[in-house]
Amino acid sequence: MDEEEYSSFQASADSIEHVRDPRTHKTITYDAAIKLGLIDGDAKMFHNPVTSERMTLQEAADKGFIKKKV
């Protein structure tokens, strides 16, 4: 993924199909992930409440927490 695609993914919630909640391992919507505090919509960061790790949305996708739309 080049830098332009990376920043586009970071900036667009429309590019996320679903999010996997690290606590329950269930898939949820992007909006639900924001409400649960898994995604900081302003900072475009993912928070894993199990490990307290914060990562970019791309890193979260690479680790399987976020499924991108194709």
Protein backbone atom coordinates (compact mmCIF):
# COMPACT_ATOMS: atom_id res chain seq x y z
CA MET A 1 0.00 0.00 0.00
CA ASP A 2 1.54 3.31 -0.99
CA GLU A 3 1.46 6.48 1.10
CA GLU A 4 -1.54 7.94 -0.75
CA GLU A 5 -3.63 4.78 -0.21
CA TYR A 6 -2.52 4.66 3.44
CA SER A 7 -3.60 8.24 4.18
CA SER A 8 -6.85 7.69 2.27
CA PHE A 9 -7.62 4.66 4.44
CA GLN A 10 -6.75 6.63 7.56
CA ALA A 11 -9.12 9.43 6.61
CA SER A 12 -12.17 7.44 5.50
CA ALA A 13 -14.52 5.52 7.75
CA ASP A 14 -16.31 4.45 4.57
CA SER A 15 -13.35 2.20 3.80
CA ILE A 16 -13.97 0.03 6.90
CA GLU A 17 -16.31 -2.96 6.53
CA HIS A 18 -16.24 -3.95 10.20
CA VAL A 19 -14.14 -3.96 13.36
CA ARG A 20 -13.35 -6.95 15.60
CA ASP A 21 -13.77 -6.17 19.29
CA PRO A 22 -10.66 -7.56 21.07
CA ARG A 23 -12.71 -8.27 24.21
CA THR A 24 -15.49 -10.34 22.63
CA HIS A 25 -13.92 -11.23 19.24
CA LYS A 26 -17.26 -10.28 17.64
CA THR A 27 -17.47 -8.04 14.60
CA ILE A 28 -19.09 -4.65 15.04
CA THR A 29 -19.66 -1.58 12.90
CA TYR A 30 -17.26 1.34 12.71
CA ASP A 31 -19.79 3.53 14.55
CA ALA A 32 -20.14 0.96 17.33
CA ALA A 33 -16.35 0.77 17.61
CA ILE A 34 -16.23 4.54 18.11
CA LYS A 35 -18.97 4.39 20.77
CA LEU A 36 -17.11 1.61 22.59
CA GLY A 37 -13.86 3.59 22.49
CA LEU A 38 -12.06 1.15 20.21
CA ILE A 39 -11.58 3.78 17.52
CA ASP A 40 -10.78 7.42 18.08
CA GLY A 41 -12.44 8.97 15.04
CA ASP A 42 -10.61 12.28 15.41
CA ALA A 43 -7.13 10.84 15.77
CA LYS A 44 -7.84 7.89 13.43
CA MET A 45 -6.38 5.50 15.98
CA PHE A 46 -7.43 2.06 17.25
CA HIS A 47 -7.28 1.22 20.94
CA ASN A 48 -7.02 -2.38 22.12
CA PRO A 49 -8.54 -2.37 25.63
CA VAL A 50 -7.14 -5.83 26.37
CA THR A 51 -3.50 -4.80 25.91
CA SER A 52 -3.90 -0.99 26.19
CA GLU A 53 -2.06 -0.73 22.85
CA ARG A 54 -2.85 2.20 20.53
CA MET A 55 -2.17 1.85 16.83
CA THR A 56 -3.07 3.40 13.51
CA LEU A 57 -6.07 2.05 11.65
CA GLN A 58 -3.71 0.50 9.10
CA GLU A 59 -1.80 -1.31 11.86
CA ALA A 60 -5.12 -2.52 13.29
CA ALA A 61 -6.10 -3.80 9.84
CA ASP A 62 -2.73 -5.55 9.50
CA LYS A 63 -3.36 -7.26 12.87
CA GLY A 64 -6.89 -8.34 11.89
CA PHE A 65 -8.88 -5.94 14.08
CA ILE A 66 -10.24 -4.01 11.08
CA LYS A 67 -11.58 -5.42 7.83
CA LYS A 68 -11.28 -2.96 4.97
CA LYS A 69 -13.85 -2.73 2.22
CA VAL A 70 -12.56 -3.91 -1.15
